[in-house]
PDB file of N, CA and C in Angstrom:
ATOM      1  N   UNK A   1       0.816  -1.195   0.000  1.00  0.00           N
ATOM      2  CA  UNK A   1       0.000   0.000   0.000  1.00  0.00           C
ATOM      3  C   UNK A   1       0.863   1.264   0.000  1.00  0.00           C
ATOM      4  N   UNK A   2       2.007   1.169   0.664  1.00  0.00           N
ATOM      5  CA  UNK A   2       2.914   2.318   0.724  1.00  0.00           C
ATOM      6  C   UNK A   2       3.380   2.727  -0.677  1.00  0.00           C
ATOM      7  N   UNK A   3       3.728   1.750  -1.515  1.00  0.00           N
ATOM      8  CA  UNK A   3       4.171   2.062  -2.876  1.00  0.00           C
ATOM      9  C   UNK A   3       3.045   2.692  -3.692  1.00  0.00           C
ATOM     10  N   UNK A   4       1.829   2.211  -3.501  1.00  0.00           N
ATOM     11  CA  UNK A   4       0.678   2.807  -4.197  1.00  0.00           C
ATOM     12  C   UNK A   4       0.506   4.271  -3.802  1.00  0.00           C
ATOM     13  N   UNK A   5       0.586   4.539  -2.521  1.00  0.00           N
ATOM     14  CA  UNK A   5       0.450   5.923  -2.038  1.00  0.00           C
ATOM     15  C   UNK A   5       1.566   6.811  -2.572  1.00  0.00           C
ATOM     16  N   UNK A   6       2.787   6.298  -2.572  1.00  0.00           N
ATOM     17  CA  UNK A   6       3.918   7.091  -3.073  1.00  0.00           C
ATOM     18  C   UNK A   6       3.718   7.445  -4.537  1.00  0.00           C
ATOM     19  N   UNK A   7       3.297   6.476  -5.344  1.00  0.00           N
ATOM     20  CA  UNK A   7       3.069   6.739  -6.770  1.00  0.00           C
ATOM     21  C   UNK A   7       1.929   7.729  -6.961  1.00  0.00           C
ATOM     22  N   UNK A   8       0.820   7.524  -6.258  1.00  0.00           N
ATOM     23  CA  UNK A   8      -0.331   8.426  -6.393  1.00  0.00           C
ATOM     24  C   UNK A   8       0.016   9.835  -5.934  1.00  0.00           C
ATOM     25  N   UNK A   9       0.727   9.958  -4.831  1.00  0.00           N
ATOM     26  CA  UNK A   9       1.119  11.287  -4.340  1.00  0.00           C
ATOM     27  C   UNK A   9       2.024  11.999  -5.326  1.00  0.00           C
ATOM     28  N   UNK A  10       2.972  11.274  -5.905  1.00  0.00           N
ATOM     29  CA  UNK A  10       3.878  11.862  -6.896  1.00  0.00           C
ATOM     30  C   UNK A  10       3.080  12.384  -8.093  1.00  0.00           C
ATOM     31  N   UNK A  11       2.196  11.558  -8.620  1.00  0.00           N
ATOM     32  CA  UNK A  11       1.403  11.955  -9.790  1.00  0.00           C
ATOM     33  C   UNK A  11       0.495  13.123  -9.443  1.00  0.00           C
ATOM     34  N   UNK A  12      -0.143  13.075  -8.287  1.00  0.00           N
ATOM     35  CA  UNK A  12      -1.030  14.157  -7.853  1.00  0.00           C
ATOM     36  C   UNK A  12      -0.284  15.493  -7.787  1.00  0.00           C
ATOM     37  N   UNK A  13       0.921  15.465  -7.251  1.00  0.00           N
ATOM     38  CA  UNK A  13       1.726  16.703  -7.178  1.00  0.00           C
ATOM     39  C   UNK A  13       2.022  17.241  -8.574  1.00  0.00           C
ATOM     40  N   UNK A  14       2.334  16.340  -9.506  1.00  0.00           N
ATOM     41  CA  UNK A  14       2.654  16.764 -10.868  1.00  0.00           C
ATOM     42  C   UNK A  14       1.414  17.299 -11.597  1.00  0.00           C
ATOM     43  N   UNK A  15       0.255  16.718 -11.307  1.00  0.00           N
ATOM     44  CA  UNK A  15      -0.975  17.135 -11.983  1.00  0.00           C
ATOM     45  C   UNK A  15      -1.492  18.466 -11.472  1.00  0.00           C
ATOM     46  N   UNK A  16      -1.127  18.846 -10.261  1.00  0.00           N
ATOM     47  CA  UNK A  16      -1.610  20.107  -9.703  1.00  0.00           C
ATOM     48  C   UNK A  16      -3.121  20.100  -9.575  1.00  0.00           C
ATOM     49  N   UNK A  17      -3.789  21.102 -10.154  1.00  0.00           N
ATOM     50  CA  UNK A  17      -5.241  21.184 -10.035  1.00  0.00           C
ATOM     51  C   UNK A  17      -5.976  20.390 -11.113  1.00  0.00           C
ATOM     52  N   UNK A  18      -5.254  19.667 -11.953  1.00  0.00           N
ATOM     53  CA  UNK A  18      -5.870  18.815 -12.972  1.00  0.00           C
ATOM     54  C   UNK A  18      -6.354  17.530 -12.297  1.00  0.00           C
ATOM     55  N   UNK A  19      -7.666  17.351 -12.219  1.00  0.00           N
ATOM     56  CA  UNK A  19      -8.248  16.161 -11.591  1.00  0.00           C
ATOM     57  C   UNK A  19      -8.915  15.297 -12.654  1.00  0.00           C
ATOM     58  N   UNK A  20      -8.303  14.164 -13.028  1.00  0.00           N
ATOM     59  CA  UNK A  20      -8.904  13.309 -14.056  1.00  0.00           C
ATOM     60  C   UNK A  20     -10.217  12.689 -13.594  1.00  0.00           C
ATOM     61  N   UNK A  21     -11.166  12.614 -14.532  1.00  0.00           N
ATOM     62  CA  UNK A  21     -12.472  12.009 -14.270  1.00  0.00           C
ATOM     63  C   UNK A  21     -12.485  10.538 -14.674  1.00  0.00           C
ATOM     64  N   UNK A  22     -11.756  10.213 -15.727  1.00  0.00           N
ATOM     65  CA  UNK A  22     -11.776   8.870 -16.304  1.00  0.00           C
ATOM     66  C   UNK A  22     -10.351   8.369 -16.490  1.00  0.00           C
ATOM     67  N   UNK A  23     -10.197   7.062 -16.397  1.00  0.00           N
ATOM     68  CA  UNK A  23      -8.947   6.411 -16.748  1.00  0.00           C
ATOM     69  C   UNK A  23      -9.154   5.641 -18.045  1.00  0.00           C
ATOM     70  N   UNK A  24      -8.132   5.630 -18.878  1.00  0.00           N
ATOM     71  CA  UNK A  24      -8.178   4.874 -20.129  1.00  0.00           C
ATOM     72  C   UNK A  24      -6.874   4.096 -20.235  1.00  0.00           C
ATOM     73  N   UNK A  25      -6.982   2.798 -20.495  1.00  0.00           N
ATOM     74  CA  UNK A  25      -5.805   1.970 -20.732  1.00  0.00           C
ATOM     75  C   UNK A  25      -5.860   1.539 -22.186  1.00  0.00           C
ATOM     76  N   UNK A  26      -4.909   2.029 -22.968  1.00  0.00           N
ATOM     77  CA  UNK A  26      -4.870   1.731 -24.395  1.00  0.00           C
ATOM     78  C   UNK A  26      -4.072   0.462 -24.633  1.00  0.00           C
ATOM     79  N   UNK A  27      -4.682  -0.474 -25.316  1.00  0.00           N
ATOM     80  CA  UNK A  27      -4.008  -1.715 -25.664  1.00  0.00           C
ATOM     81  C   UNK A  27      -3.414  -1.633 -27.055  1.00  0.00           C
ATOM     82  N   UNK A  28      -2.943  -2.746 -27.521  1.00  0.00           N
ATOM     83  CA  UNK A  28      -2.346  -2.846 -28.842  1.00  0.00           C
ATOM     84  C   UNK A  28      -3.317  -2.329 -29.895  1.00  0.00           C
ATOM     85  N   UNK A  29      -2.831  -1.455 -30.741  1.00  0.00           N
ATOM     86  CA  UNK A  29      -3.639  -0.955 -31.844  1.00  0.00           C
ATOM     87  C   UNK A  29      -4.362   0.345 -31.571  1.00  0.00           C
ATOM     88  N   UNK A  30      -4.486   0.743 -30.311  1.00  0.00           N
ATOM     89  CA  UNK A  30      -5.195   1.987 -30.025  1.00  0.00           C
ATOM     90  C   UNK A  30      -4.285   3.088 -29.485  1.00  0.00           C
ATOM     91  N   UNK A  31      -2.998   2.872 -29.535  1.00  0.00           N
ATOM     92  CA  UNK A  31      -2.059   3.890 -29.068  1.00  0.00           C
ATOM     93  C   UNK A  31      -2.207   5.212 -29.796  1.00  0.00           C
ATOM     94  N   UNK A  32      -2.674   5.162 -31.032  1.00  0.00           N
ATOM     95  CA  UNK A  32      -2.837   6.384 -31.821  1.00  0.00           C
ATOM     96  C   UNK A  32      -3.991   7.246 -31.337  1.00  0.00           C
ATOM     97  N   UNK A  33      -4.823   6.713 -30.445  1.00  0.00           N
ATOM     98  CA  UNK A  33      -5.924   7.500 -29.903  1.00  0.00           C
ATOM     99  C   UNK A  33      -5.422   8.767 -29.222  1.00  0.00           C
ATOM    100  N   UNK A  34      -4.182   8.746 -28.773  1.00  0.00           N
ATOM    101  CA  UNK A  34      -3.639   9.923 -28.092  1.00  0.00           C
ATOM    102  C   UNK A  34      -3.533  11.130 -29.023  1.00  0.00           C
ATOM    103  N   UNK A  35      -3.615  10.906 -30.331  1.00  0.00           N
ATOM    104  CA  UNK A  35      -3.617  12.031 -31.272  1.00  0.00           C
ATOM    105  C   UNK A  35      -4.872  12.885 -31.094  1.00  0.00           C
ATOM    106  N   UNK A  36      -5.907  12.282 -30.513  1.00  0.00           N
ATOM    107  CA  UNK A  36      -7.156  12.994 -30.249  1.00  0.00           C
ATOM    108  C   UNK A  36      -7.172  13.628 -28.859  1.00  0.00           C
ATOM    109  N   UNK A  37      -6.108  13.434 -28.115  1.00  0.00           N
ATOM    110  CA  UNK A  37      -6.013  13.906 -26.738  1.00  0.00           C
ATOM    111  C   UNK A  37      -5.295  15.252 -26.691  1.00  0.00           C
ATOM    112  N   UNK A  38      -5.877  16.196 -25.976  1.00  0.00           N
ATOM    113  CA  UNK A  38      -5.215  17.469 -25.715  1.00  0.00           C
ATOM    114  C   UNK A  38      -4.335  17.249 -24.477  1.00  0.00           C
ATOM    115  N   UNK A  39      -3.068  16.900 -24.718  1.00  0.00           N
ATOM    116  CA  UNK A  39      -2.165  16.476 -23.644  1.00  0.00           C
ATOM    117  C   UNK A  39      -1.730  17.679 -22.809  1.00  0.00           C
ATOM    118  N   UNK A  40      -1.912  17.546 -21.500  1.00  0.00           N
ATOM    119  CA  UNK A  40      -1.483  18.579 -20.565  1.00  0.00           C
ATOM    120  C   UNK A  40      -0.355  18.094 -19.658  1.00  0.00           C
ATOM    121  N   UNK A  41      -0.264  16.776 -19.488  1.00  0.00           N
ATOM    122  CA  UNK A  41       0.773  16.172 -18.648  1.00  0.00           C
ATOM    123  C   UNK A  41       1.242  14.884 -19.320  1.00  0.00           C
ATOM    124  N   UNK A  42       2.541  14.655 -19.279  1.00  0.00           N
ATOM    125  CA  UNK A  42       3.098  13.445 -19.887  1.00  0.00           C
ATOM    126  C   UNK A  42       4.215  12.901 -19.007  1.00  0.00           C
ATOM    127  N   UNK A  43       4.118  11.619 -18.684  1.00  0.00           N
ATOM    128  CA  UNK A  43       5.103  10.959 -17.839  1.00  0.00           C
ATOM    129  C   UNK A  43       5.535   9.652 -18.490  1.00  0.00           C
ATOM    130  N   UNK A  44       6.806   9.387 -18.484  1.00  0.00           N
ATOM    131  CA  UNK A  44       7.304   8.060 -18.847  1.00  0.00           C
ATOM    132  C   UNK A  44       7.125   7.165 -17.630  1.00  0.00           C
ATOM    133  N   UNK A  45       6.736   5.905 -17.853  1.00  0.00           N
ATOM    134  CA  UNK A  45       6.607   4.982 -16.728  1.00  0.00           C
ATOM    135  C   UNK A  45       7.912   4.896 -15.944  1.00  0.00           C
ATOM    136  N   UNK A  46       9.028   5.043 -16.635  1.00  0.00           N
ATOM    137  CA  UNK A  46      10.335   4.973 -15.977  1.00  0.00           C
ATOM    138  C   UNK A  46      10.514   6.075 -14.943  1.00  0.00           C
ATOM    139  N   UNK A  47       9.786   7.186 -15.090  1.00  0.00           N
ATOM    140  CA  UNK A  47       9.917   8.320 -14.178  1.00  0.00           C
ATOM    141  C   UNK A  47       8.917   8.293 -13.030  1.00  0.00           C
ATOM    142  N   UNK A  48       8.005   7.314 -13.036  1.00  0.00           N
ATOM    143  CA  UNK A  48       6.980   7.226 -12.000  1.00  0.00           C
ATOM    144  C   UNK A  48       7.385   6.224 -10.927  1.00  0.00           C
ATOM    145  N   UNK A  49       7.257   6.584  -9.667  1.00  0.00           N
ATOM    146  CA  UNK A  49       7.658   5.675  -8.589  1.00  0.00           C
ATOM    147  C   UNK A  49       6.914   4.342  -8.659  1.00  0.00           C
ATOM    148  N   UNK A  50       7.677   3.270  -8.649  1.00  0.00           N
ATOM    149  CA  UNK A  50       7.178   1.900  -8.538  1.00  0.00           C
ATOM    150  C   UNK A  50       6.417   1.399  -9.772  1.00  0.00           C
ATOM    151  N   UNK A  51       6.403   2.156 -10.860  1.00  0.00           N
ATOM    152  CA  UNK A  51       5.774   1.672 -12.097  1.00  0.00           C
ATOM    153  C   UNK A  51       6.743   0.741 -12.802  1.00  0.00           C
ATOM    154  N   UNK A  52       6.211  -0.269 -13.441  1.00  0.00           N
ATOM    155  CA  UNK A  52       7.022  -1.186 -14.234  1.00  0.00           C
ATOM    156  C   UNK A  52       7.210  -0.597 -15.623  1.00  0.00           C
ATOM    157  N   UNK A  53       8.019  -1.254 -16.427  1.00  0.00           N
ATOM    158  CA  UNK A  53       8.272  -0.819 -17.794  1.00  0.00           C
ATOM    159  C   UNK A  53       7.661  -1.834 -18.746  1.00  0.00           C
ATOM    160  N   UNK A  54       6.876  -1.349 -19.684  1.00  0.00           N
ATOM    161  CA  UNK A  54       6.284  -2.244 -20.674  1.00  0.00           C
ATOM    162  C   UNK A  54       7.355  -2.657 -21.668  1.00  0.00           C
ATOM    163  N   UNK A  55       7.419  -3.952 -21.943  1.00  0.00           N
ATOM    164  CA  UNK A  55       8.419  -4.446 -22.892  1.00  0.00           C
ATOM    165  C   UNK A  55       7.809  -4.778 -24.248  1.00  0.00           C
ATOM    166  N   UNK A  56       6.491  -4.598 -24.382  1.00  0.00           N
ATOM    167  CA  UNK A  56       5.829  -4.860 -25.659  1.00  0.00           C
ATOM    168  C   UNK A  56       6.181  -3.724 -26.607  1.00  0.00           C
ATOM    169  N   UNK A  57       6.658  -4.073 -27.792  1.00  0.00           N
ATOM    170  CA  UNK A  57       7.194  -3.088 -28.738  1.00  0.00           C
ATOM    171  C   UNK A  57       6.222  -1.958 -29.062  1.00  0.00           C
ATOM    172  N   UNK A  58       4.957  -2.257 -29.257  1.00  0.00           N
ATOM    173  CA  UNK A  58       4.003  -1.229 -29.671  1.00  0.00           C
ATOM    174  C   UNK A  58       3.423  -0.430 -28.501  1.00  0.00           C
ATOM    175  N   UNK A  59       3.852  -0.713 -27.275  1.00  0.00           N
ATOM    176  CA  UNK A  59       3.350   0.018 -26.110  1.00  0.00           C
ATOM    177  C   UNK A  59       4.365   1.087 -25.718  1.00  0.00           C
ATOM    178  N   UNK A  60       3.933   2.346 -25.768  1.00  0.00           N
ATOM    179  CA  UNK A  60       4.845   3.475 -25.569  1.00  0.00           C
ATOM    180  C   UNK A  60       5.346   3.629 -24.144  1.00  0.00           C
ATOM    181  N   UNK A  61       4.605   3.158 -23.169  1.00  0.00           N
ATOM    182  CA  UNK A  61       5.052   3.284 -21.787  1.00  0.00           C
ATOM    183  C   UNK A  61       4.939   4.689 -21.256  1.00  0.00           C
ATOM    184  N   UNK A  62       3.785   5.337 -21.516  1.00  0.00           N
ATOM    185  CA  UNK A  62       3.573   6.703 -21.045  1.00  0.00           C
ATOM    186  C   UNK A  62       2.239   6.817 -20.328  1.00  0.00           C
ATOM    187  N   UNK A  63       2.226   7.683 -19.331  1.00  0.00           N
ATOM    188  CA  UNK A  63       1.003   8.063 -18.654  1.00  0.00           C
ATOM    189  C   UNK A  63       0.717   9.503 -19.052  1.00  0.00           C
ATOM    190  N   UNK A  64      -0.458   9.732 -19.606  1.00  0.00           N
ATOM    191  CA  UNK A  64      -0.813  11.046 -20.137  1.00  0.00           C
ATOM    192  C   UNK A  64      -2.039  11.591 -19.436  1.00  0.00           C
ATOM    193  N   UNK A  65      -2.005  12.849 -19.104  1.00  0.00           N
ATOM    194  CA  UNK A  65      -3.170  13.536 -18.558  1.00  0.00           C
ATOM    195  C   UNK A  65      -3.597  14.588 -19.548  1.00  0.00           C
ATOM    196  N   UNK A  66      -4.890  14.634 -19.847  1.00  0.00           N
ATOM    197  CA  UNK A  66      -5.348  15.628 -20.805  1.00  0.00           C
ATOM    198  C   UNK A  66      -6.845  15.607 -20.974  1.00  0.00           C
ATOM    199  N   UNK A  67      -7.276  16.284 -22.021  1.00  0.00           N
ATOM    200  CA  UNK A  67      -8.693  16.404 -22.327  1.00  0.00           C
ATOM    201  C   UNK A  67      -9.000  15.551 -23.549  1.00  0.00           C
ATOM    202  N   UNK A  68      -9.998  14.694 -23.413  1.00  0.00           N
ATOM    203  CA  UNK A  68     -10.466  13.854 -24.519  1.00  0.00           C
ATOM    204  C   UNK A  68     -11.985  13.966 -24.553  1.00  0.00           C
ATOM    205  N   UNK A  69     -12.508  14.403 -25.691  1.00  0.00           N
ATOM    206  CA  UNK A  69     -13.962  14.558 -25.868  1.00  0.00           C
ATOM    207  C   UNK A  69     -14.559  15.423 -24.757  1.00  0.00           C
ATOM    208  N   UNK A  70     -13.814  16.446 -24.361  1.00  0.00           N
ATOM    209  CA  UNK A  70     -14.307  17.380 -23.358  1.00  0.00           C
ATOM    210  C   UNK A  70     -14.198  16.907 -21.918  1.00  0.00           C
ATOM    211  N   UNK A  71     -13.570  15.765 -21.693  1.00  0.00           N
ATOM    212  CA  UNK A  71     -13.440  15.204 -20.348  1.00  0.00           C
ATOM    213  C   UNK A  71     -11.976  15.104 -19.952  1.00  0.00           C
ATOM    214  N   UNK A  72     -11.704  15.283 -18.657  1.00  0.00           N
ATOM    215  CA  UNK A  72     -10.344  15.130 -18.130  1.00  0.00           C
ATOM    216  C   UNK A  72     -10.047  13.644 -17.944  1.00  0.00           C
ATOM    217  N   UNK A  73      -8.982  13.182 -18.579  1.00  0.00           N
ATOM    218  CA  UNK A  73      -8.653  11.761 -18.557  1.00  0.00           C
ATOM    219  C   UNK A  73      -7.192  11.542 -18.180  1.00  0.00           C
ATOM    220  N   UNK A  74      -6.930  10.366 -17.642  1.00  0.00           N
ATOM    221  CA  UNK A  74      -5.576   9.883 -17.412  1.00  0.00           C
ATOM    222  C   UNK A  74      -5.443   8.640 -18.268  1.00  0.00           C
ATOM    223  N   UNK A  75      -4.500   8.644 -19.189  1.00  0.00           N
ATOM    224  CA  UNK A  75      -4.390   7.601 -20.208  1.00  0.00           C
ATOM    225  C   UNK A  75      -3.071   6.854 -20.060  1.00  0.00           C
ATOM    226  N   UNK A  76      -3.180   5.536 -19.982  1.00  0.00           N
ATOM    227  CA  UNK A  76      -1.989   4.693 -20.047  1.00  0.00           C
ATOM    228  C   UNK A  76      -1.781   4.321 -21.508  1.00  0.00           C
ATOM    229  N   UNK A  77      -0.689   4.773 -22.073  1.00  0.00           N
ATOM    230  CA  UNK A  77      -0.344   4.414 -23.450  1.00  0.00           C
ATOM    231  C   UNK A  77       0.616   3.227 -23.359  1.00  0.00           C
ATOM    232  N   UNK A  78       0.016   2.053 -23.320  1.00  0.00           N
ATOM    233  CA  UNK A  78       0.766   0.823 -23.085  1.00  0.00           C
ATOM    234  C   UNK A  78       0.569   0.362 -21.656  1.00  0.00           C
ATOM    235  N   UNK A  79       0.720  -0.935 -21.442  1.00  0.00           N
ATOM    236  CA  UNK A  79       0.535  -1.480 -20.100  1.00  0.00           C
ATOM    237  C   UNK A  79       1.494  -2.641 -19.896  1.00  0.00           C
ATOM    238  N   UNK A  80       1.408  -3.236 -18.709  1.00  0.00           N
ATOM    239  CA  UNK A  80       2.268  -4.356 -18.348  1.00  0.00           C
ATOM    240  C   UNK A  80       1.439  -5.630 -18.396  1.00  0.00           C
ATOM    241  N   UNK A  81       2.083  -6.717 -18.715  1.00  0.00           N
ATOM    242  CA  UNK A  81       1.379  -7.979 -18.883  1.00  0.00           C
ATOM    243  C   UNK A  81       1.986  -9.066 -18.005  1.00  0.00           C
ATOM    244  N   UNK A  82       1.147  -9.954 -17.561  1.00  0.00           N
ATOM    245  CA  UNK A  82       1.597 -11.103 -16.785  1.00  0.00           C
ATOM    246  C   UNK A  82       2.593 -11.930 -17.593  1.00  0.00           C
ATOM    247  N   UNK A  83       2.341 -12.068 -18.905  1.00  0.00           N
ATOM    248  CA  UNK A  83       3.230 -12.881 -19.742  1.00  0.00           C
ATOM    249  C   UNK A  83       4.610 -12.239 -19.949  1.00  0.00           C
ATOM    250  N   UNK A  84       4.756 -10.980 -19.563  1.00  0.00           N
ATOM    251  CA  UNK A  84       6.074 -10.337 -19.634  1.00  0.00           C
ATOM    252  C   UNK A  84       6.919 -10.701 -18.411  1.00  0.00           C
ATOM    253  N   UNK A  85       6.331 -11.449 -17.492  1.00  0.00           N
ATOM    254  CA  UNK A  85       7.062 -11.849 -16.299  1.00  0.00           C
ATOM    255  C   UNK A  85       6.728 -11.014 -15.074  1.00  0.00           C
ATOM    256  N   UNK A  86       5.770 -10.109 -15.197  1.00  0.00           N
ATOM    257  CA  UNK A  86       5.370  -9.297 -14.062  1.00  0.00           C
ATOM    258  C   UNK A  86       4.393 -10.067 -13.182  1.00  0.00           C
ATOM    259  N   UNK A  87       4.387  -9.749 -11.902  1.00  0.00           N
ATOM    260  CA  UNK A  87       3.411 -10.343 -10.998  1.00  0.00           C
ATOM    261  C   UNK A  87       2.057  -9.685 -11.236  1.00  0.00           C
ATOM    262  N   UNK A  88       1.001 -10.329 -10.753  1.00  0.00           N
ATOM    263  CA  UNK A  88      -0.324  -9.717 -10.885  1.00  0.00           C
ATOM    264  C   UNK A  88      -0.384  -8.393 -10.126  1.00  0.00           C
ATOM    265  N   UNK A  89       0.331  -8.274  -9.018  1.00  0.00           N
ATOM    266  CA  UNK A  89       0.360  -7.010  -8.279  1.00  0.00           C
ATOM    267  C   UNK A  89       0.959  -5.892  -9.130  1.00  0.00           C
ATOM    268  N   UNK A  90       2.001  -6.213  -9.900  1.00  0.00           N
ATOM    269  CA  UNK A  90       2.599  -5.212 -10.781  1.00  0.00           C
ATOM    270  C   UNK A  90       1.665  -4.868 -11.939  1.00  0.00           C
ATOM    271  N   UNK A  91       0.971  -5.862 -12.445  1.00  0.00           N
ATOM    272  CA  UNK A  91       0.070  -5.650 -13.583  1.00  0.00           C
ATOM    273  C   UNK A  91      -1.069  -4.707 -13.204  1.00  0.00           C
ATOM    274  N   UNK A  92      -1.620  -4.873 -12.013  1.00  0.00           N
ATOM    275  CA  UNK A  92      -2.770  -4.056 -11.600  1.00  0.00           C
ATOM    276  C   UNK A  92      -2.357  -2.776 -10.871  1.00  0.00           C
ATOM    277  N   UNK A  93      -1.094  -2.593 -10.616  1.00  0.00           N
ATOM    278  CA  UNK A  93      -0.605  -1.430  -9.871  1.00  0.00           C
ATOM    279  C   UNK A  93      -1.147  -0.105 -10.424  1.00  0.00           C
ATOM    280  N   UNK A  94      -1.039   0.163 -11.736  1.00  0.00           N
ATOM    281  CA  UNK A  94      -1.528   1.453 -12.242  1.00  0.00           C
ATOM    282  C   UNK A  94      -3.028   1.665 -12.039  1.00  0.00           C
ATOM    283  N   UNK A  95      -3.815   0.603 -12.109  1.00  0.00           N
ATOM    284  CA  UNK A  95      -5.261   0.726 -11.891  1.00  0.00           C
ATOM    285  C   UNK A  95      -5.523   1.129 -10.443  1.00  0.00           C
ATOM    286  N   UNK A  96      -4.800   0.550  -9.534  1.00  0.00           N
ATOM    287  CA  UNK A  96      -4.954   0.897  -8.119  1.00  0.00           C
ATOM    288  C   UNK A  96      -4.507   2.342  -7.853  1.00  0.00           C
ATOM    289  N   UNK A  97      -3.477   2.771  -8.545  1.00  0.00           N
ATOM    290  CA  UNK A  97      -3.030   4.163  -8.415  1.00  0.00           C
ATOM    291  C   UNK A  97      -4.119   5.102  -8.930  1.00  0.00           C
ATOM    292  N   UNK A  98      -4.718   4.755 -10.068  1.00  0.00           N
ATOM    293  CA  UNK A  98      -5.803   5.589 -10.603  1.00  0.00           C
ATOM    294  C   UNK A  98      -6.943   5.708  -9.598  1.00  0.00           C
ATOM    295  N   UNK A  99      -7.269   4.617  -8.928  1.00  0.00           N
ATOM    296  CA  UNK A  99      -8.321   4.643  -7.911  1.00  0.00           C
ATOM    297  C   UNK A  99      -7.958   5.609  -6.792  1.00  0.00           C
ATOM    298  N   UNK A 100      -6.704   5.578  -6.342  1.00  0.00           N
ATOM    299  CA  UNK A 100      -6.262   6.502  -5.298  1.00  0.00           C
ATOM    300  C   UNK A 100      -6.292   7.952  -5.771  1.00  0.00           C
ATOM    301  N   UNK A 101      -6.180   8.160  -7.070  1.00  0.00           N
ATOM    302  CA  UNK A 101      -6.250   9.513  -7.637  1.00  0.00           C
ATOM    303  C   UNK A 101      -7.696   9.984  -7.803  1.00  0.00           C
ATOM    304  N   UNK A 102      -8.659   9.133  -7.445  1.00  0.00           N
ATOM    305  CA  UNK A 102     -10.057   9.527  -7.496  1.00  0.00           C
ATOM    306  C   UNK A 102     -10.809   9.128  -8.748  1.00  0.00           C
ATOM    307  N   UNK A 103     -10.162   8.380  -9.625  1.00  0.00           N
ATOM    308  CA  UNK A 103     -10.827   7.950 -10.854  1.00  0.00           C
ATOM    309  C   UNK A 103     -11.829   6.846 -10.517  1.00  0.00           C
ATOM    310  N   UNK A 104     -13.066   7.038 -10.967  1.00  0.00           N
ATOM    311  CA  UNK A 104     -14.143   6.089 -10.685  1.00  0.00           C
ATOM    312  C   UNK A 104     -14.534   5.249 -11.899  1.00  0.00           C
ATOM    313  N   UNK A 105     -14.171   5.707 -13.107  1.00  0.00           N
ATOM    314  CA  UNK A 105     -14.542   5.001 -14.326  1.00  0.00           C
ATOM    315  C   UNK A 105     -13.292   4.732 -15.151  1.00  0.00           C
ATOM    316  N   UNK A 106     -13.156   3.483 -15.621  1.00  0.00           N
ATOM    317  CA  UNK A 106     -11.961   3.053 -16.330  1.00  0.00           C
ATOM    318  C   UNK A 106     -12.370   2.350 -17.617  1.00  0.00           C
ATOM    319  N   UNK A 107     -11.770   2.760 -18.720  1.00  0.00           N
ATOM    320  CA  UNK A 107     -11.967   2.116 -20.019  1.00  0.00           C
ATOM    321  C   UNK A 107     -10.678   1.373 -20.356  1.00  0.00           C
ATOM    322  N   UNK A 108     -10.821   0.105 -20.722  1.00  0.00           N
ATOM    323  CA  UNK A 108      -9.660  -0.722 -21.039  1.00  0.00           C
ATOM    324  C   UNK A 108      -9.874  -1.322 -22.428  1.00  0.00           C
ATOM    325  N   UNK A 109      -8.856  -1.221 -23.282  1.00  0.00           N
ATOM    326  CA  UNK A 109      -8.938  -1.833 -24.606  1.00  0.00           C
ATOM    327  C   UNK A 109      -7.816  -2.858 -24.742  1.00  0.00           C
ATOM    328  N   UNK A 110      -8.028  -3.799 -25.649  1.00  0.00           N
ATOM    329  CA  UNK A 110      -6.990  -4.786 -25.920  1.00  0.00           C
ATOM    330  C   UNK A 110      -7.239  -5.431 -27.284  1.00  0.00           C
ATOM    331  N   UNK A 111      -6.217  -6.046 -27.781  1.00  0.00           N
ATOM    332  CA  UNK A 111      -6.352  -6.846 -29.002  1.00  0.00           C
ATOM    333  C   UNK A 111      -6.630  -8.270 -28.562  1.00  0.00           C
ATOM    334  N   UNK A 112      -7.660  -8.863 -29.116  1.00  0.00           N
ATOM    335  CA  UNK A 112      -8.001 -10.229 -28.758  1.00  0.00           C
ATOM    336  C   UNK A 112      -8.279 -11.014 -30.042  1.00  0.00           C
ATOM    337  N   UNK A 113      -7.928 -12.236 -30.040  1.00  0.00           N
ATOM    338  CA  UNK A 113      -8.142 -13.062 -31.222  1.00  0.00           C
ATOM    339  C   UNK A 113      -8.136 -14.526 -30.847  1.00  0.00           C
ATOM    340  N   UNK A 114      -8.402 -15.314 -31.809  1.00  0.00           N
ATOM    341  CA  UNK A 114      -8.433 -16.743 -31.519  1.00  0.00           C
ATOM    342  C   UNK A 114      -7.756 -17.518 -32.638  1.00  0.00           C
TER     343      UNK A 114
END
């Protein structure tokens, strides 16, 4: 819980008075959605306390705060996967941080096939 608080506090300080309403996790193929985002804050996962690094080539590894369709959003451009060798705690860490930041609604996309 301490690591979650540290990450949320760090992000909150950087966001200042920008309070995101929604969280969005972009999966494979939707990274370009950020072109529609009016970006106000941009963080590399490497610069965020206790965040893992995405090793999937098409995942940018950025946390973005901005305006999308008139709403304040926090967007994960890329995410971490269990198959990359991360624990489930690491995989869900950013979602838990978003909850601590006050986000109540989360949109998650992914590529799925059979």
